[in-house]
């Protein structure tokens, strides 16, 4: 195989439409645009979604859903993951350092999923009621 013998696959490169080349080509004179009307003229196209004055589809359908801007900066951590950390004091920086939450996280909530055996101190994190009970039962503390 040589560089000068390489060809693209048949049908992958569509030939350009050559307009204005006489009657026999079916694209002569009006170039396939028909006769009068907005679409036959240069610059004669309306905005996308325009339906001739009828209420467009994107405005007829109801708005659906909600995208929270807070969700991007908040994360959840399970009780099992918190218990598997080396340090006795768990705060946001410790979770980021352990790669349990992304670096841009602002708030973290500890949820009760799994069990915790060692006593730890939680600082500056939100907790569910069940997670708080488990930490206190294991001999840990929760600080605001």
Protein backbone atom coordinates (compact mmCIF):
# COMPACT_ATOMS: atom_id res chain seq x y z
CA UNK A 1 0.00 0.00 0.00
CA UNK A 2 1.29 3.44 -0.94
CA UNK A 3 0.04 6.86 0.12
CA UNK A 4 -0.96 7.68 -3.46
CA UNK A 5 -3.21 4.60 -3.67
CA UNK A 6 -5.29 5.24 -0.55
CA UNK A 7 -8.97 5.87 -1.29
CA UNK A 8 -11.90 6.57 0.99
CA UNK A 9 -14.70 4.01 1.19
CA UNK A 10 -17.31 4.18 -1.55
CA UNK A 11 -20.24 6.40 -0.51
CA UNK A 12 -18.42 8.06 2.36
CA UNK A 13 -17.76 11.23 0.36
CA UNK A 14 -20.93 12.59 -1.24
CA UNK A 15 -20.45 14.72 -4.34
CA UNK A 16 -21.45 18.36 -4.03
CA UNK A 17 -24.67 19.46 -5.74
CA UNK A 18 -23.64 21.55 -8.79
CA UNK A 19 -26.49 23.97 -9.34
CA UNK A 20 -27.22 26.34 -12.22
CA UNK A 21 -25.85 24.07 -14.98
CA UNK A 22 -28.72 23.96 -17.46
CA UNK A 23 -32.17 22.45 -17.91
CA UNK A 24 -31.05 18.84 -18.30
CA UNK A 25 -29.40 18.71 -14.88
CA UNK A 26 -32.72 19.32 -13.02
CA UNK A 27 -30.79 21.92 -11.02
CA UNK A 28 -30.72 24.68 -13.64
CA UNK A 29 -32.39 28.14 -13.57
CA UNK A 30 -34.10 27.99 -10.15
CA UNK A 31 -31.48 25.52 -8.87
CA UNK A 32 -33.98 23.16 -7.28
CA UNK A 33 -35.61 25.85 -5.13
CA UNK A 34 -38.90 26.02 -7.01
CA UNK A 35 -40.32 29.38 -8.07
CA UNK A 36 -41.59 32.06 -5.71
CA UNK A 37 -41.65 32.18 -1.94
CA UNK A 38 -39.45 32.84 1.04
CA UNK A 39 -37.39 29.65 0.67
CA UNK A 40 -36.53 30.44 -2.96
CA UNK A 41 -34.82 33.73 -2.11
CA UNK A 42 -31.35 34.37 -0.78
CA UNK A 43 -31.37 34.93 2.97
CA UNK A 44 -34.95 33.66 3.05
CA UNK A 45 -34.91 31.36 6.04
CA UNK A 46 -36.65 31.96 9.34
CA UNK A 47 -35.39 31.07 12.79
CA UNK A 48 -35.08 27.48 13.94
CA UNK A 49 -38.32 26.14 15.41
CA UNK A 50 -40.50 28.79 13.74
CA UNK A 51 -43.85 27.35 12.67
CA UNK A 52 -45.37 30.22 10.71
CA UNK A 53 -46.86 32.03 13.70
CA UNK A 54 -48.30 28.89 15.30
CA UNK A 55 -47.09 28.38 18.86
CA UNK A 56 -43.87 26.36 18.40
CA UNK A 57 -43.51 22.87 19.81
CA UNK A 58 -40.80 23.85 22.31
CA UNK A 59 -43.16 26.45 23.79
CA UNK A 60 -46.25 24.23 23.76
CA UNK A 61 -44.66 21.51 25.89
CA UNK A 62 -44.40 22.01 29.65
CA UNK A 63 -41.09 22.64 31.38
CA UNK A 64 -39.98 19.50 33.17
CA UNK A 65 -37.54 18.84 35.96
CA UNK A 66 -35.23 20.82 38.13
CA UNK A 67 -31.45 20.95 38.26
CA UNK A 68 -30.07 21.94 41.65
CA UNK A 69 -27.04 24.24 41.62
CA UNK A 70 -26.18 23.13 45.17
CA UNK A 71 -25.96 19.45 44.21
CA UNK A 72 -22.69 20.02 42.34
CA UNK A 73 -20.91 21.03 45.55
CA UNK A 74 -22.40 18.48 47.96
CA UNK A 75 -21.57 14.80 48.46
CA UNK A 76 -22.57 11.81 50.55
CA UNK A 77 -20.27 9.45 52.43
CA UNK A 78 -21.28 6.18 54.07
CA UNK A 79 -20.55 5.27 57.67
CA UNK A 80 -18.42 2.36 56.45
CA UNK A 81 -16.18 4.69 54.38
CA UNK A 82 -15.75 7.07 57.31
CA UNK A 83 -14.80 4.15 59.58
CA UNK A 84 -12.18 2.92 57.10
CA UNK A 85 -10.17 6.18 57.36
CA UNK A 86 -6.87 6.14 59.25
CA UNK A 87 -7.37 9.40 61.21
CA UNK A 88 -9.44 9.72 64.40
CA UNK A 89 -10.74 13.19 63.42
CA UNK A 90 -12.84 13.24 60.26
CA UNK A 91 -13.56 16.55 58.55
CA UNK A 92 -13.96 17.81 54.97
CA UNK A 93 -10.20 18.05 54.35
CA UNK A 94 -9.63 14.48 55.55
CA UNK A 95 -12.32 13.17 53.16
CA UNK A 96 -10.84 15.12 50.22
CA UNK A 97 -7.35 13.84 51.06
CA UNK A 98 -8.66 10.25 51.12
CA UNK A 99 -10.38 10.75 47.70
CA UNK A 100 -13.80 9.92 49.13
CA UNK A 101 -15.28 13.20 47.85
CA UNK A 102 -14.24 15.51 44.95
CA UNK A 103 -11.91 18.42 45.70
CA UNK A 104 -14.54 21.10 44.92
CA UNK A 105 -17.01 19.72 47.51
CA UNK A 106 -18.34 22.26 50.03
CA UNK A 107 -20.74 20.14 52.15
CA UNK A 108 -20.69 16.45 53.03
CA UNK A 109 -23.39 14.33 54.65
CA UNK A 110 -22.60 11.08 56.44
CA UNK A 111 -25.32 8.47 55.93
CA UNK A 112 -25.86 5.26 57.89
CA UNK A 113 -24.80 2.52 55.53
CA UNK A 114 -22.66 -0.18 57.08
CA UNK A 115 -21.29 -0.33 60.60
CA UNK A 116 -18.54 1.52 62.49
CA UNK A 117 -16.37 -0.13 65.13
CA UNK A 118 -13.79 2.46 66.21
CA UNK A 119 -14.44 5.77 67.97
CA UNK A 120 -13.96 8.84 65.79
CA UNK A 121 -14.67 12.55 66.02
CA UNK A 122 -16.73 14.16 63.25
CA UNK A 123 -16.10 17.88 62.65
CA UNK A 124 -18.13 20.18 60.39
CA UNK A 125 -20.07 17.48 58.54
CA UNK A 126 -23.81 16.87 58.31
CA UNK A 127 -25.11 13.54 59.59
CA UNK A 128 -28.29 11.55 59.38
CA UNK A 129 -29.94 10.62 62.69
CA UNK A 130 -28.98 6.94 62.31
CA UNK A 131 -25.34 7.77 61.51
CA UNK A 132 -25.11 10.05 64.54
CA UNK A 133 -26.48 7.31 66.83
CA UNK A 134 -24.00 4.74 65.46
CA UNK A 135 -21.00 7.05 65.94
CA UNK A 136 -22.02 7.93 69.51
CA UNK A 137 -22.72 4.24 70.28
CA UNK A 138 -19.19 3.34 69.09
CA UNK A 139 -17.75 5.89 71.52
CA UNK A 140 -17.24 8.72 69.04
CA UNK A 141 -18.16 12.42 69.18
CA UNK A 142 -19.93 14.79 66.80
CA UNK A 143 -18.81 18.42 66.73
CA UNK A 144 -20.53 21.11 64.70
